[in-house]
Amino acid sequence: RRAASLGGRGMPRMHVGALAVAAALLACTDAFTVPAGFSPALLRSRSPQLCPVRSRGSTAEGKFLPALVQPSARRRESSRVGENMVIGVVSVLTGPVVALAALGTLDGLGRVMRNLPRYMELQYNYAKQLLAQGGLEAVTDVDKLKQGILDSPEYRYNVLKLFVKYDVDGDGKIPTEELLVVLQKEFPAGKIGTTPAGIANLISQMDSDQDQVVSVTEFLQTLFRDMSVEESDRLYAQARKEQVKDAYEECRELTSEYAKTFFLATLAMEDTQAKATWAIYAWCRRVDEIVDGPTADPDPEVQRVALDEWMSRLERMHRNEGKGGLDNFDVAFQDMLSQTPNSDLEPYREMVRGMQMDITDFRYQTWEELYLYCFRVASTVGLMTLPIMGTSDGVTLEEAREPAVALGIALQLTNILRDVGEDARDRGRIYLPMEDLERFGVTEEEIFRWAKEGGAVSENYKKMMQFEIDRALSYYQQADGGIALLAKGAQLPVAVAGELYKEILYKLQNNAYDNFANRAYLTKEEKFLKVPPLWLKTATGGWTRQPSSGGAEVGREFVEMYARANPGNGKAGAGVGQRGVGER
């Protein structure tokens, strides 16, 4: 209809046809997807980490087979063309059609232009080999396992990922009983056509010296009979490095998805610092999800047991006691600990204790109680990352500690102020100190009503929010005074993190202090615009050292200031000096 209204000059018929074909065939391009870094040059490698590999007896003309599949003459049926051959030929023939169809869409155009040469060379060589040999038929359990690995999205381009994943001790060996369970789990009979007895027979073949342990060399030589010990050791070492690299990449993806502001700050870090910070964030997020995650068990006792197990897991990773029971996130975290000898484990223990407070402590009576919670769940992150960030010349980690703690208090208090409505509505929690509600004449019932039913917040509530914002800003000021204490490369990311979170407080003010109906946040454009001035200030040495006030007393200053400004309010000084957590 829109084309007719424009004078009948719509999209050219050829483009319409291309789009129509694309709608039917564009999904086929997913079948051609290859991993980043893969190139046709890899087709000529014999490494079992790459796919495909040169088949035995191939000539310089280039006859290739998919990795791990090397059929002999007695294993194929020359009388007919196998299913795989048909698929290969069809893939080659339809490749240009898919390419042309994809030209009708911008997304498809980008994909094809980037990958078409690789797709076509791979498919052409594959189909040429299939045509020459008359098809493929996996006959033995070894062949079926090879084909299963080839068809596995996780392992097809790196066979040793399978071995390294389950080599929990990192010694290049897997007990035969464990390997049996692994292969039955990864490649069940109905999936690749093997039987439990066939897999057991396969493992028996792998255990060539019958010592009930399969080494990495035995594993590879079963799949590639001409594999040397030296080559298997080299590939194993490379695969372990790749595992750690992949683990850090998963941590990066988790951070970028769930902590966008925090992730933006890490982009200003050096590569090693950023990777370590991603690993720390992934660890912290996962311990938090034991209590607050979408799959968290509602039973407090179950949560306590899970946190106790998490603490034990932390101690084991710190002692570097193998990889048993660890996942990819843990692999990155354990590597980070080993690469940071100055790391203190106590902040990580405190983080777990903070999560334990979240199980039952839904109310905090005083600021000091809330300060302890903020210290445990947020300031500890600063203490975790401080050895990674490093300090400027002549500054010790202990001297930089207080500003790091202050930044954590400021960030967590900002989170609490931003999420008052969400915490009350979804979790039944009020993190604001009860003494502050009493001081400003705000009730718990009002908070729950605004969270669930909406409505305009009271003037008393607005005054309380401004009071809490001022307290948070005082901690940001203390944190800013410590930026100059950090190593040059760490100053910008810390400044970015503090500035972006600080802006959330101003957004809350602009929302008329309504954190029930409106979420205070910065747009992506606003975040990026904040970075250049901070970069300039850092590059010109604009950060100056300021003395640290220290601990919970910083927040108490505003209680006293409010009491002096409101002498008629007898409740203004309630709770002052009740607890001595400030020395933390």
Protein backbone atom coordinates (compact mmCIF):
# COMPACT_ATOMS: atom_id res chain seq x y z
CA ARG A 1 0.00 0.00 0.00
CA ARG A 2 2.85 2.36 0.82
CA ALA A 3 4.45 1.72 -2.59
CA ALA A 4 1.20 2.67 -4.34
CA SER A 5 0.87 5.84 -2.33
CA LEU A 6 4.34 6.84 -3.48
CA GLY A 7 3.30 6.86 -7.11
CA GLY A 8 3.55 3.15 -7.80
CA ARG A 9 7.32 3.06 -7.55
CA GLY A 10 7.87 0.35 -5.00
CA MET A 11 10.79 -2.00 -4.42
CA PRO A 12 12.24 -3.44 -7.65
CA ARG A 13 10.79 -6.83 -8.45
CA MET A 14 14.24 -8.42 -8.39
CA HIS A 15 14.72 -7.29 -4.80
CA VAL A 16 11.29 -8.57 -3.82
CA GLY A 17 12.22 -11.94 -5.28
CA ALA A 18 15.49 -11.93 -3.42
CA LEU A 19 13.73 -11.22 -0.15
CA ALA A 20 11.23 -13.98 -0.80
CA VAL A 21 13.99 -16.49 -1.43
CA ALA A 22 15.86 -15.18 1.60
CA ALA A 23 12.85 -15.79 3.80
CA ALA A 24 12.93 -19.46 2.81
CA LEU A 25 16.69 -20.01 2.70
CA LEU A 26 18.45 -17.52 4.95
CA ALA A 27 18.25 -19.91 7.89
CA CYS A 28 20.52 -22.22 5.91
CA THR A 29 23.40 -19.82 6.45
CA ASP A 30 23.45 -20.82 10.12
CA ALA A 31 24.53 -24.28 9.06
CA PHE A 32 27.65 -22.75 7.54
CA THR A 33 28.67 -20.77 10.62
CA VAL A 34 32.30 -21.21 11.62
CA PRO A 35 34.03 -19.88 14.73
CA ALA A 36 35.82 -16.57 14.91
CA GLY A 37 39.40 -16.87 13.73
CA PHE A 38 38.71 -19.82 11.43
CA SER A 39 40.17 -19.47 7.95
CA PRO A 40 40.68 -21.64 4.87
CA ALA A 41 44.35 -21.88 5.77
CA LEU A 42 43.35 -24.07 8.69
CA LEU A 43 41.96 -26.61 6.27
CA ARG A 44 45.47 -27.72 5.54
CA SER A 45 46.41 -28.42 9.14
CA ARG A 46 46.65 -31.91 10.56
CA SER A 47 46.03 -30.71 14.10
CA PRO A 48 43.11 -32.50 15.78
CA GLN A 49 42.13 -29.13 17.22
CA LEU A 50 41.05 -27.96 13.78
CA CYS A 51 38.28 -28.98 11.43
CA PRO A 52 38.51 -30.28 8.83
CA VAL A 53 41.87 -32.07 8.54
CA ARG A 54 43.74 -33.65 5.65
CA SER A 55 42.86 -37.27 5.17
CA ARG A 56 45.52 -39.91 5.08
CA GLY A 57 47.00 -40.35 1.63
CA SER A 58 45.65 -37.05 0.32
CA THR A 59 47.63 -35.28 -2.36
CA ALA A 60 48.68 -31.72 -2.89
CA GLU A 61 45.52 -31.23 -4.91
CA GLY A 62 43.73 -31.07 -1.58
CA LYS A 63 41.34 -33.90 -0.71
CA PHE A 64 39.82 -33.14 2.65
CA LEU A 65 37.55 -34.79 5.17
CA PRO A 66 35.76 -33.40 8.22
CA ALA A 67 37.88 -33.67 11.37
CA LEU A 68 38.03 -37.06 13.08
CA VAL A 69 36.45 -38.93 10.15
CA GLN A 70 38.98 -40.96 8.18
CA PRO A 71 37.16 -43.88 6.50
CA SER A 72 39.10 -46.66 4.88
CA ALA A 73 38.03 -48.51 1.73
CA ARG A 74 36.60 -51.40 3.70
CA ARG A 75 34.40 -49.08 5.73
CA ARG A 76 32.52 -47.42 2.92
CA GLU A 77 29.88 -48.56 0.58
CA SER A 78 31.03 -47.66 -2.91
CA SER A 79 27.77 -48.86 -4.43
CA ARG A 80 25.80 -45.83 -3.33
CA VAL A 81 26.12 -42.21 -2.44
CA GLY A 82 25.82 -41.74 1.33
CA GLU A 83 23.61 -39.32 3.13
CA ASN A 84 26.51 -37.08 4.07
CA MET A 85 27.62 -36.84 0.44
CA VAL A 86 24.17 -35.70 -0.63
CA ILE A 87 24.16 -33.05 2.10
CA GLY A 88 27.61 -31.92 1.08
CA VAL A 89 26.73 -31.64 -2.61
CA VAL A 90 23.45 -29.86 -1.87
CA SER A 91 25.32 -27.45 0.40
CA VAL A 92 27.72 -26.56 -2.39
CA LEU A 93 24.99 -26.16 -4.99
CA THR A 94 22.73 -24.07 -2.75
CA GLY A 95 25.55 -21.92 -1.41
CA PRO A 96 25.35 -19.34 -4.24
CA VAL A 97 21.55 -19.30 -4.04
CA VAL A 98 21.67 -18.58 -0.33
CA ALA A 99 24.29 -15.92 -0.93
CA LEU A 100 22.19 -14.19 -3.59
CA ALA A 101 19.05 -14.44 -1.50
CA ALA A 102 20.82 -12.98 1.50
CA LEU A 103 21.80 -9.95 -0.58
CA GLY A 104 18.16 -8.88 -0.24
CA THR A 105 18.72 -8.09 3.44
CA LEU A 106 21.35 -5.90 5.04
CA ASP A 107 22.07 -8.40 7.78
CA GLY A 108 22.43 -11.24 5.33
CA LEU A 109 24.65 -9.15 3.09
CA GLY A 110 27.09 -8.51 5.92
CA ARG A 111 27.18 -12.16 6.89
CA VAL A 112 27.71 -13.45 3.39
CA MET A 113 30.36 -10.92 2.44
CA ARG A 114 32.37 -11.79 5.55
CA ASN A 115 32.14 -15.55 5.36
CA LEU A 116 31.28 -16.61 1.82
CA PRO A 117 34.88 -17.40 0.72
CA ARG A 118 35.39 -19.60 3.76
CA TYR A 119 32.01 -21.28 3.40
CA MET A 120 32.57 -22.13 -0.24
CA GLU A 121 36.10 -23.47 0.11
CA LEU A 122 35.09 -25.64 3.05
CA GLN A 123 31.98 -27.01 1.35
CA TYR A 124 33.69 -27.48 -2.02
CA ASN A 125 36.55 -29.55 -0.62
CA TYR A 126 34.19 -31.54 1.56
CA ALA A 127 31.87 -32.39 -1.33
CA LYS A 128 34.78 -33.20 -3.68
CA GLN A 129 36.11 -35.76 -1.23
CA LEU A 130 32.67 -37.27 -0.72
CA LEU A 131 32.12 -37.58 -4.46
CA ALA A 132 35.51 -39.24 -4.89
CA GLN A 133 34.91 -41.82 -2.16
CA GLY A 134 31.22 -42.49 -2.61
CA GLY A 135 30.00 -41.37 0.80
CA LEU A 136 30.71 -41.90 4.50
CA GLU A 137 29.41 -44.50 6.85
CA ALA A 138 30.64 -44.56 10.47
CA VAL A 139 31.00 -48.25 11.30
CA THR A 140 33.07 -48.75 14.46
CA ASP A 141 32.50 -47.13 17.83
CA VAL A 142 35.64 -45.10 17.25
CA ASP A 143 34.16 -43.79 14.01
CA LYS A 144 30.85 -43.04 15.73
CA LEU A 145 32.61 -41.16 18.50
CA LYS A 146 34.57 -39.19 15.94
CA GLN A 147 31.37 -38.34 14.12
CA GLY A 148 29.71 -37.42 17.41
CA ILE A 149 32.51 -35.02 18.24
CA LEU A 150 32.35 -33.60 14.74
CA ASP A 151 28.62 -32.93 15.13
CA SER A 152 29.03 -31.39 18.60
CA PRO A 153 28.84 -27.57 18.54
CA GLU A 154 31.10 -27.41 21.61
CA TYR A 155 33.92 -29.70 20.49
CA ARG A 156 33.89 -29.86 16.70
CA TYR A 157 36.66 -27.29 16.29
CA ASN A 158 38.77 -28.38 19.26
CA VAL A 159 38.69 -32.06 20.15
CA LEU A 160 40.80 -31.55 23.26
CA LYS A 161 38.15 -29.31 24.80
CA LEU A 162 36.37 -32.54 25.70
CA PHE A 163 39.43 -33.99 27.44
CA VAL A 164 40.51 -30.78 29.18
CA LYS A 165 36.98 -30.12 30.44
CA TYR A 166 36.99 -33.31 32.49
CA ASP A 167 40.69 -33.44 33.39
CA VAL A 168 39.93 -32.10 36.86
CA ASP A 169 43.46 -32.52 38.23
CA GLY A 170 45.13 -30.91 35.24
CA ASP A 171 47.65 -33.74 34.90
CA GLY A 172 46.63 -34.93 31.44
CA LYS A 173 44.91 -38.06 32.74
CA ILE A 174 41.32 -39.20 33.29
CA PRO A 175 40.45 -42.45 35.12
CA THR A 176 38.68 -44.92 32.86
CA GLU A 177 35.61 -45.08 35.11
CA GLU A 178 35.20 -41.31 34.97
CA LEU A 179 35.79 -41.23 31.22
CA LEU A 180 33.09 -43.87 30.74
CA VAL A 181 30.59 -41.66 32.58
CA VAL A 182 31.75 -38.61 30.61
CA LEU A 183 31.33 -40.19 27.17
CA GLN A 184 27.96 -41.69 28.05
CA LYS A 185 26.84 -38.26 29.28
CA GLU A 186 28.21 -36.25 26.35
CA PHE A 187 27.37 -38.77 23.60
CA PRO A 188 24.41 -40.93 24.63
CA ALA A 189 23.66 -44.01 22.56
CA GLY A 190 20.59 -42.55 20.92
CA LYS A 191 22.57 -39.52 19.83
CA ILE A 192 25.54 -41.03 18.00
CA GLY A 193 24.50 -44.65 17.54
CA THR A 194 26.89 -46.26 20.01
CA THR A 195 25.95 -48.64 22.82
CA PRO A 196 27.17 -48.60 26.44
CA ALA A 197 29.14 -51.74 25.66
CA GLY A 198 30.61 -50.05 22.59
CA ILE A 199 31.76 -47.04 24.62
CA ALA A 200 33.27 -49.35 27.25
CA ASN A 201 35.13 -51.18 24.48
CA LEU A 202 36.32 -47.85 23.09
CA ILE A 203 37.71 -46.79 26.46
CA SER A 204 39.44 -50.15 26.75
CA GLN A 205 41.14 -49.41 23.43
CA MET A 206 42.19 -46.00 24.72
CA ASP A 207 43.72 -47.47 27.88
CA SER A 208 46.52 -49.12 25.93
CA ASP A 209 48.70 -49.85 28.98
CA GLN A 210 45.72 -51.11 31.00
CA ASP A 211 46.48 -48.90 34.02
CA GLN A 212 42.83 -47.80 34.40
CA VAL A 213 43.79 -44.29 33.34
CA VAL A 214 43.52 -42.69 29.91
CA SER A 215 46.24 -40.15 29.19
CA VAL A 216 45.86 -37.33 26.72
CA THR A 217 48.27 -39.15 24.38
CA GLU A 218 46.21 -42.34 24.50
CA PHE A 219 43.05 -40.34 23.91
CA LEU A 220 44.44 -38.63 20.83
CA GLN A 221 46.22 -41.68 19.43
CA THR A 222 42.94 -43.61 19.49
CA LEU A 223 41.40 -40.92 17.31
CA PHE A 224 44.55 -40.13 15.31
CA ARG A 225 46.82 -43.17 15.11
CA ASP A 226 49.89 -41.33 13.87
CA MET A 227 49.81 -38.78 16.71
CA SER A 228 53.17 -38.49 18.48
CA VAL A 229 53.66 -37.99 22.20
CA GLU A 230 55.37 -34.65 21.64
CA GLU A 231 52.55 -33.39 19.45
CA SER A 232 49.86 -34.50 21.91
CA ASP A 233 51.66 -32.77 24.79
CA ARG A 234 51.92 -29.57 22.76
CA LEU A 235 48.27 -29.64 21.80
CA TYR A 236 47.23 -30.41 25.37
CA ALA A 237 49.11 -27.39 26.70
CA GLN A 238 47.52 -25.25 24.01
CA ALA A 239 44.06 -26.59 24.80
CA ARG A 240 44.44 -25.76 28.49
CA LYS A 241 45.36 -22.18 27.60
CA GLU A 242 42.34 -22.01 25.32
CA GLN A 243 40.13 -23.27 28.14
CA VAL A 244 41.25 -20.44 30.41
CA LYS A 245 40.82 -17.93 27.59
CA ASP A 246 37.29 -19.19 26.90
CA ALA A 247 36.49 -19.03 30.62
CA TYR A 248 37.45 -15.35 30.79
CA GLU A 249 35.35 -14.71 27.70
CA GLU A 250 32.29 -16.19 29.43
CA CYS A 251 32.94 -13.91 32.41
CA ARG A 252 33.16 -10.94 30.04
CA GLU A 253 29.83 -11.83 28.44
CA LEU A 254 28.17 -12.22 31.85
CA THR A 255 29.49 -8.85 33.01
CA SER A 256 28.46 -7.04 29.84
CA GLU A 257 24.95 -8.50 30.01
CA TYR A 258 24.11 -7.90 33.67
CA ALA A 259 26.32 -4.96 34.74
CA LYS A 260 26.40 -2.56 31.82
CA THR A 261 27.64 0.47 33.76
CA PHE A 262 30.28 -1.57 35.55
CA PHE A 263 31.31 -3.22 32.28
CA LEU A 264 31.77 0.15 30.61
CA ALA A 265 34.26 1.06 33.35
CA THR A 266 36.25 -2.13 32.71
CA LEU A 267 36.70 -1.14 29.06
CA ALA A 268 39.06 1.57 30.28
CA MET A 269 41.27 -1.01 32.02
CA GLU A 270 44.31 -2.81 30.72
CA ASP A 271 43.51 -6.24 29.30
CA THR A 272 44.81 -8.27 32.25
CA GLN A 273 43.02 -6.02 34.73
CA ALA A 274 39.76 -6.20 32.80
CA LYS A 275 39.84 -10.00 32.59
CA ALA A 276 40.52 -10.34 36.31
CA THR A 277 37.71 -7.90 37.10
CA TRP A 278 35.27 -9.86 34.91
CA ALA A 279 36.19 -13.04 36.78
CA ILE A 280 35.59 -11.30 40.11
CA TYR A 281 32.23 -9.94 38.96
CA ALA A 282 31.13 -13.38 37.74
CA TRP A 283 32.07 -14.90 41.11
CA CYS A 284 30.22 -12.17 43.03
CA ARG A 285 27.11 -12.36 40.88
CA ARG A 286 26.85 -16.11 41.23
CA VAL A 287 27.11 -16.05 45.01
CA ASP A 288 24.45 -13.32 45.04
CA GLU A 289 22.13 -15.48 42.94
CA ILE A 290 22.19 -18.19 45.61
CA VAL A 291 19.99 -15.85 47.64
CA ASP A 292 18.46 -13.45 45.09
CA GLY A 293 18.67 -15.24 41.75
CA PRO A 294 15.64 -16.30 39.71
CA THR A 295 16.31 -19.95 40.56
CA ALA A 296 17.17 -19.36 44.23
CA ASP A 297 15.55 -21.81 46.61
CA PRO A 298 13.08 -19.94 48.88
CA ASP A 299 13.99 -22.14 51.85
CA PRO A 300 16.45 -20.17 54.06
CA GLU A 301 18.05 -23.38 55.31
CA VAL A 302 18.77 -24.54 51.77
CA GLN A 303 20.34 -21.15 51.05
CA ARG A 304 22.54 -21.41 54.15
CA VAL A 305 23.80 -24.82 53.10
CA ALA A 306 24.49 -23.56 49.58
CA LEU A 307 26.46 -20.59 50.94
CA ASP A 308 28.46 -22.88 53.22
CA GLU A 309 29.29 -25.02 50.21
CA TRP A 310 30.24 -21.89 48.25
CA MET A 311 32.62 -20.88 51.05
CA SER A 312 34.24 -24.33 50.97
CA ARG A 313 34.52 -24.09 47.20
CA LEU A 314 36.24 -20.71 47.57
CA GLU A 315 38.82 -22.13 49.97
CA ARG A 316 39.50 -25.05 47.65
CA MET A 317 40.02 -22.78 44.65
CA HIS A 318 42.34 -20.59 46.70
CA ARG A 319 44.43 -23.64 47.54
CA ASN A 320 44.37 -24.57 43.83
CA GLU A 321 43.14 -28.09 44.58
CA GLY A 322 42.22 -29.13 41.05
CA LYS A 323 39.07 -28.48 39.05
CA GLY A 324 36.75 -31.12 40.43
CA GLY A 325 33.21 -29.72 40.60
CA LEU A 326 34.26 -26.42 39.02
CA ASP A 327 32.73 -24.85 35.95
CA ASN A 328 34.14 -22.45 33.37
CA PHE A 329 33.51 -19.38 35.50
CA ASP A 330 35.45 -21.03 38.32
CA VAL A 331 38.31 -21.82 35.94
CA ALA A 332 38.72 -18.10 35.22
CA PHE A 333 38.36 -17.20 38.90
CA GLN A 334 40.92 -19.78 40.00
CA ASP A 335 43.33 -18.56 37.34
CA MET A 336 42.81 -14.98 38.51
CA LEU A 337 43.68 -15.95 42.08
CA SER A 338 46.83 -17.74 40.95
CA GLN A 339 47.86 -14.73 38.85
CA THR A 340 47.33 -12.31 41.75
CA PRO A 341 49.58 -13.45 44.61
CA ASN A 342 48.73 -10.33 46.65
CA SER A 343 45.04 -11.24 46.75
CA ASP A 344 43.55 -11.39 50.22
CA LEU A 345 40.85 -14.04 50.57
CA GLU A 346 39.11 -12.24 53.45
CA PRO A 347 37.05 -9.87 51.22
CA TYR A 348 35.65 -12.91 49.41
CA ARG A 349 34.73 -14.53 52.72
CA GLU A 350 33.08 -11.27 53.81
CA MET A 351 31.06 -11.24 50.60
CA VAL A 352 29.63 -14.66 51.45
CA ARG A 353 28.83 -13.42 54.98
CA GLY A 354 26.99 -10.50 53.41
CA MET A 355 24.85 -12.93 51.42
CA GLN A 356 24.14 -14.79 54.67
CA MET A 357 22.81 -11.51 56.11
CA ASP A 358 20.42 -11.31 53.15
CA ILE A 359 18.75 -14.59 54.12
CA THR A 360 17.03 -13.26 57.24
CA ASP A 361 17.99 -9.61 57.79
CA PHE A 362 15.20 -7.84 55.92
CA ARG A 363 15.42 -4.76 58.14
CA TYR A 364 18.36 -2.71 59.42
CA GLN A 365 17.65 -0.69 62.52
CA THR A 366 20.61 1.69 62.36
CA TRP A 367 22.99 3.14 59.79
CA GLU A 368 25.85 1.12 61.28
CA GLU A 369 23.98 -2.12 60.60
CA LEU A 370 23.35 -1.09 57.01
CA TYR A 371 26.97 0.05 56.69
CA LEU A 372 28.18 -3.42 57.65
CA TYR A 373 25.92 -4.95 55.01
CA CYS A 374 27.13 -2.48 52.35
CA PHE A 375 30.72 -3.16 53.33
CA ARG A 376 30.30 -6.88 52.94
CA VAL A 377 28.42 -6.95 49.64
CA ALA A 378 30.04 -3.97 47.89
CA SER A 379 33.17 -2.55 49.55
CA THR A 380 34.65 -6.02 49.45
CA VAL A 381 34.63 -5.78 45.64
CA GLY A 382 36.93 -2.77 45.89
CA LEU A 383 39.23 -4.71 48.19
CA MET A 384 39.17 -7.67 45.78
CA THR A 385 40.16 -5.53 42.82
CA LEU A 386 42.67 -3.28 44.62
CA PRO A 387 45.61 -5.73 44.24
CA ILE A 388 44.71 -6.04 40.55
CA MET A 389 44.47 -2.29 39.99
CA GLY A 390 47.66 -1.50 41.86
CA THR A 391 48.67 1.74 43.55
CA SER A 392 50.73 4.75 42.48
CA ASP A 393 54.39 5.01 43.38
CA GLY A 394 55.01 5.20 47.10
CA VAL A 395 51.43 4.25 48.06
CA THR A 396 50.70 1.00 49.88
CA LEU A 397 47.58 -1.11 49.47
CA GLU A 398 46.64 -0.28 53.06
CA GLU A 399 46.75 3.47 52.34
CA ALA A 400 44.41 3.00 49.35
CA ARG A 401 42.05 0.78 51.31
CA GLU A 402 39.74 3.39 52.91
CA PRO A 403 38.81 5.16 49.64
CA ALA A 404 38.14 1.75 48.06
CA VAL A 405 35.81 0.89 50.93
CA ALA A 406 34.12 4.30 50.63
CA LEU A 407 33.43 3.78 46.94
CA GLY A 408 31.78 0.44 47.68
CA ILE A 409 29.56 2.02 50.35
CA ALA A 410 28.57 4.79 47.91
CA LEU A 411 27.77 2.38 45.08
CA GLN A 412 25.69 0.05 47.25
CA LEU A 413 23.81 2.88 48.90
CA THR A 414 23.05 4.19 45.40
CA ASN A 415 21.69 0.78 44.43
CA ILE A 416 19.52 0.73 47.55
CA LEU A 417 18.09 4.20 46.87
CA ARG A 418 17.43 3.39 43.21
CA ASP A 419 15.68 0.09 44.03
CA VAL A 420 13.53 0.96 47.07
CA GLY A 421 10.33 0.19 45.16
CA GLU A 422 11.62 -2.98 43.52
CA ASP A 423 13.01 -4.40 46.78
CA ALA A 424 9.76 -3.72 48.64
CA ARG A 425 7.48 -4.99 45.88
CA ASP A 426 9.41 -8.07 44.73
CA ARG A 427 11.35 -9.12 47.83
CA GLY A 428 9.48 -7.68 50.80
CA ARG A 429 12.63 -5.89 51.90
CA ILE A 430 13.38 -2.39 53.11
CA TYR A 431 17.10 -1.69 53.30
CA LEU A 432 16.78 1.91 54.51
CA PRO A 433 17.61 2.17 58.24
CA MET A 434 14.52 2.07 60.41
CA GLU A 435 15.92 4.94 62.44
CA ASP A 436 15.82 7.12 59.31
CA LEU A 437 12.19 6.23 58.59
CA GLU A 438 11.32 7.18 62.14
CA ARG A 439 13.36 10.38 61.98
CA PHE A 440 11.52 11.63 58.89
CA GLY A 441 8.08 10.31 59.76
CA VAL A 442 7.90 7.66 57.02
CA THR A 443 6.30 4.28 57.74
CA GLU A 444 6.96 0.82 56.34
CA GLU A 445 3.29 0.61 55.36
CA GLU A 446 3.64 3.67 53.16
CA ILE A 447 6.65 2.22 51.36
CA PHE A 448 4.86 -1.04 50.63
CA ARG A 449 1.74 0.81 49.48
CA TRP A 450 3.67 3.04 47.08
CA ALA A 451 5.57 0.00 45.81
CA LYS A 452 2.46 -2.07 45.10
CA GLU A 453 -0.23 0.52 44.37
CA GLY A 454 1.69 3.58 43.23
CA GLY A 455 0.69 7.12 44.06
CA ALA A 456 2.58 10.30 44.86
CA VAL A 457 5.24 10.02 47.57
CA SER A 458 5.01 12.27 50.61
CA GLU A 459 7.13 15.33 51.34
CA ASN A 460 8.62 13.49 54.32
CA TYR A 461 9.75 10.71 52.02
CA LYS A 462 11.36 13.22 49.63
CA LYS A 463 13.27 14.79 52.52
CA MET A 464 14.45 11.37 53.64
CA MET A 465 15.64 10.55 50.11
CA GLN A 466 17.62 13.79 49.92
CA PHE A 467 19.15 12.99 53.28
CA GLU A 468 20.26 9.56 52.05
CA ILE A 469 21.53 11.04 48.76
CA ASP A 470 23.69 13.50 50.69
CA ARG A 471 25.09 10.65 52.74
CA ALA A 472 25.94 8.69 49.59
CA LEU A 473 27.58 11.76 48.01
CA SER A 474 29.82 12.15 51.04
CA TYR A 475 31.19 8.67 50.40
CA TYR A 476 31.68 9.47 46.70
CA GLN A 477 33.69 12.53 47.76
CA GLN A 478 35.88 10.38 49.98
CA ALA A 479 36.34 7.86 47.17
CA ASP A 480 37.33 10.61 44.71
CA GLY A 481 40.09 11.60 47.09
CA GLY A 482 41.60 8.16 46.73
CA ILE A 483 41.72 7.98 42.92
CA ALA A 484 45.16 9.62 42.90
CA LEU A 485 46.42 6.80 45.14
CA LEU A 486 45.78 4.24 42.40
CA ALA A 487 48.10 3.20 39.61
CA LYS A 488 47.78 5.38 36.52
CA GLY A 489 46.00 2.70 34.50
CA ALA A 490 43.42 2.13 37.24
CA GLN A 491 42.39 5.75 37.79
CA LEU A 492 40.09 6.18 34.78
CA PRO A 493 37.95 3.02 35.24
CA VAL A 494 37.45 3.76 38.94
CA ALA A 495 36.56 7.38 38.15
CA VAL A 496 34.10 6.24 35.46
CA ALA A 497 32.41 3.77 37.79
CA GLY A 498 32.01 6.37 40.52
CA GLU A 499 30.81 9.14 38.22
CA LEU A 500 28.22 7.03 36.40
CA TYR A 501 26.71 5.71 39.62
CA LYS A 502 26.76 9.18 41.18
CA GLU A 503 24.68 10.42 38.27
CA ILE A 504 21.95 7.93 39.24
CA LEU A 505 21.42 9.97 42.41
CA TYR A 506 20.84 13.12 40.35
CA LYS A 507 18.42 11.18 38.15
CA LEU A 508 16.53 10.21 41.31
CA GLN A 509 16.30 13.88 42.24
CA ASN A 510 15.03 14.73 38.75
CA ASN A 511 12.36 12.03 39.16
CA ALA A 512 11.01 13.97 42.16
CA TYR A 513 12.45 11.26 44.45
CA ASP A 514 9.91 8.75 43.15
CA ASN A 515 11.80 5.45 43.04
CA PHE A 516 8.59 3.44 42.91
CA ALA A 517 7.12 4.37 39.53
CA ASN A 518 10.31 5.62 37.86
CA ARG A 519 13.67 3.87 37.67
CA ALA A 520 16.66 6.19 37.81
CA TYR A 521 19.19 5.26 35.15
CA LEU A 522 21.50 6.72 32.52
CA THR A 523 21.09 6.11 28.83
CA LYS A 524 23.97 4.67 26.85
CA GLU A 525 24.58 8.07 25.26
CA GLU A 526 24.68 9.78 28.66
CA LYS A 527 27.18 7.25 29.91
CA PHE A 528 29.54 7.73 26.99
CA LEU A 529 29.37 11.52 27.25
CA LYS A 530 30.62 11.32 30.84
CA VAL A 531 33.84 9.54 29.86
CA PRO A 532 35.82 12.19 27.87
CA PRO A 533 36.03 14.77 30.73
CA LEU A 534 37.16 12.05 33.12
CA TRP A 535 39.76 10.86 30.62
CA LEU A 536 41.10 14.40 30.27
CA LYS A 537 41.26 14.87 34.02
CA THR A 538 43.12 11.59 34.40
CA ALA A 539 45.51 12.27 31.51
CA THR A 540 46.43 15.69 32.90
CA GLY A 541 46.95 14.45 36.47
CA GLY A 542 43.90 16.29 37.76
CA TRP A 543 43.11 13.93 40.64
CA THR A 544 44.39 15.14 44.02
CA ARG A 545 44.85 13.21 47.23
CA GLN A 546 42.45 14.01 50.03
CA PRO A 547 42.46 12.80 53.63
CA SER A 548 40.09 9.98 54.47
CA SER A 549 37.45 10.45 57.17
CA GLY A 550 36.89 6.70 57.45
CA GLY A 551 34.13 4.21 57.97
CA ALA A 552 30.55 4.59 59.06
CA GLU A 553 31.33 7.92 60.75
CA VAL A 554 31.15 9.62 57.34
CA GLY A 555 27.47 8.76 57.12
CA ARG A 556 26.90 9.72 60.75
CA GLU A 557 28.05 13.26 60.03
CA PHE A 558 24.77 13.87 58.21
CA VAL A 559 22.77 12.69 61.20
CA GLU A 560 24.50 15.30 63.32
CA MET A 561 24.17 17.97 60.62
CA TYR A 562 20.46 17.28 60.37
CA ALA A 563 20.08 17.42 64.14
CA ARG A 564 21.76 20.83 64.27
CA ALA A 565 19.63 22.11 61.39
CA ASN A 566 16.43 20.79 62.97
CA PRO A 567 16.79 21.40 66.73
CA GLY A 568 13.09 20.93 67.31
CA ASN A 569 13.12 17.35 66.10
CA GLY A 570 13.91 15.20 69.09
CA LYS A 571 14.40 12.14 66.96
CA ALA A 572 17.13 13.67 64.83
CA GLY A 573 20.05 12.28 66.79
CA ALA A 574 18.62 8.84 67.41
CA GLY A 575 21.13 6.07 67.30
CA VAL A 576 24.30 8.22 67.19
CA GLY A 577 27.26 6.27 68.48
CA GLN A 578 25.31 3.10 69.16
CA ARG A 579 27.70 0.83 67.26
CA GLY A 580 31.39 0.84 66.49
CA VAL A 581 31.48 -0.72 63.07
CA GLY A 582 33.12 2.43 61.67
CA GLU A 583 36.65 1.16 62.31
CA ARG A 584 36.13 -1.26 59.44
